[in-house]
Amino acid sequence: MCGITGLFLFKQQEAHRLQYIGEATERLILRGPDSGSTFTDHQTALGHRRLSILDTSSCGSQPMEDASGRYVLVFNGEIFNFEALSKQYLHDTWSRIGGPKSHSDTEVLLYLLIQYGTACLPWLSGFFAFALYDKTEKTLLLARDRYGKKPLLYHRTDAYCAFASEMKSLLAWGVPRKLDATVLYQYLQLNYVAQPWSMIEGVRKLAPGHWMKLDSDGSGTEQPWYELHTAPEQYNQYTYEDAQKVLVEKMDAAVQQRLISDVPLGAFLSGGIDSSVVVALASRHTKNLSTFSIGYKNNPFFDETAYAKLVADKYQTNHTVFSLSNDDFLEHLYGVLDYLDEPFADSSALPVYILCKNTRQHVTVALSGDGGDEVFAGYNKHGAEYRIRQQSLKNTVAKMGAPLWKMLPKSRNSKLTNTFRQLHRFAEGARLGTAERYWRWASLAGPEQVKNLLSKSTRQQLDTAFFGQIKAGALAPIQTDDYNEILLTDMSLVLQSDMLVKVDLMSMANSLEVRSPFLDHDVVDFAFGLPAEYKISGTLKKRIVQDAFRKLLPEEIYNRPKQGFEIPLLGWFRNELWPLINEDLLSHRFVSEQGIFDPQAIEALKAKMRSSNPEDSHATIWALIVFQYWWKKYLAV
């Protein structure tokens, strides 16, 4: 696990930028606290920071050159099947050069790329982002894993291409810092930036499952090497009972593969189905597995540590609970804000940050249940989408009650007002087509609400055609009535731009590697070859996961609602963080001078948040706080 950065020149008048390699590399130190090194010639600079996981000796250090000195690789990630690939494809190579110099996946990847080029990418099991420089041909190859677990940002002009694992490193190359107003508009709807876009104009993320090859004259090619599809032709291949058996086999293989490590390894254990499955399977292959949970002192309703303990006891893991109060969350707030180098307003990043920070005191690698909800339909919105497609009296009543739900108080602060909020969103979605409904339910704020927050000058900068492109790209998988297309959209939008970004950022902020067996490509490809009713049926979400692993898990963790955890933002905003909001980041004076937002609209939003009917105003204020904090740090002149 590492951080990578680099610059590839097309025109020598930009050669002065090569000198920034040291600073660009150093800004990735939390991703790679163990060591760092660089490579530079007259055309290219490559930087690498290392978090040692496999072959912790200096033999695994990067940038790594091949025996001939022609190729240089910087690589971020893990290739779990590197030993098998080495034996199958590189026997002749090792014979020719006297064997590998390390026991690292980096060296295996380097020689696979040299011998087979991009044709080897589908063979790789793991997650990665890398850059391969060919000194002879003067080319640079960039590539990213199937689902975008590891980030790779780039800025390409007619004179150079700069790339990095993080925005803060990319900016060190002198990339122009100009706000993209259209992306801001999209961010305020979703509370995150949809890939491949970024908040900085001209900066993009290489699309997951893609490679891009650049030539020294500035020309280049970008192609997908992996694409996830629904597979209706496979729907009748397995009975439901057979599919359960295959899922257990594939998940077991995925977990076992992710236990490879030369440093201490453990697992997150939330008490939910997904992390419990991972722990149950991991315990088959390792004794005394270390497991870690978060408990909530001030919110016993959300505390699932009792369920996590049932699993820990069943499998005799070395279990640690981090019991946290609201003050603990507030204490770490600025740690999260300081690490973000692009606005990201999923508030659950805060508990993930604290979990990673505490877990890192015990292990360097942690397994997680990430991806289970997106792949197997585990969210409330999945249940709502399923219900809305059914003809029922309950649906009719919910739709007809739309005028009433709109008037009633709506917020997440109580069970009753949250029910009104959910009924309002359900009725609102019922009037829309499938794609529009998905976008609305994925959004925290509606388009008119967001537009009203922006100043007149910012609204004038909005590119409606570009926003249409962003939205169309996000909703592209929804083409028919196949429910699997909803999950496919979750994979390409929510998973890649929200969930994986959150885990990558918060784990790397604490130098912790997180591995997700549910996102093994064999598991994912298998899941999308199954009919939707295997995953969701009636009120049962993640149906096949629940049934396939029922014998391995305590019965108590079944038949209970998905609880999640709601960060107490509203209370903080009304009390402890009110000065930060009202006197600093969203003060009337600062907003007026900044010129991005409409001061009157911001004041009205603050008043709404402090009213008896705040609705989701606190979520929008959180998105604004995150943006303002970032803007002051990175864009303020």
Foldseek 3Di string as FASTA:
>chain_A
DKKKKKKFWLDQVLQVLLVLLVVLQVVLCLLAVPDKDWDDDSGMIMIMGHDAWFQNDCLPDDQDADPVRFKTKYKDWAFLCLVVLCVPPPPVVCVVRVHRSTRGSVRSVVVCCVVPNPVCQVVTWIWMWMWMAGNVQSKIKIATAAQQLFWKKWAADQTMIIIISAPVSSCSSVPDADAQLQQVLVCLWQLFGWAQDARGPRMGIQAHQKMKMAHSNRDIDMDGNDDAAQAQVLAPVDDLVRLLVVLLVLLLVLLVSVVDTPWQEAAEFALALQSLSSLLSNLVPDAQGEYEYEAEPVCNLQGNVVSSVQSCVVSVHNYDYHYDYLVVLVVCVVVLLVLDLGRHQPVVLSVLLVRLQVVLVPTQEYEYRPPLCLLQPDDPVSLLVVVLPDDDPVLVVLLVCLVVLVPDFAAPPDPVNPVSLVSNLSNVLSVDDPLVNLSNVSTPDDSVLSLQFWFPVSNVSHDVVVSVVSSCVLSVLPDDPQSVSSSVSCSSGVVNTHVSVSNSSSNSSNNHHYHHSCVGVVNSSSSSHHGSVSADDNNDGRNSSCVSCVVSGDPVSPPDDDRDDDNPQLVCCVPVCVCCCCVHQLHLVVCVVVNTTDNVSSVVLSVLSVDPRVHSSSSSSSSSSSNSSSCVVPPDD
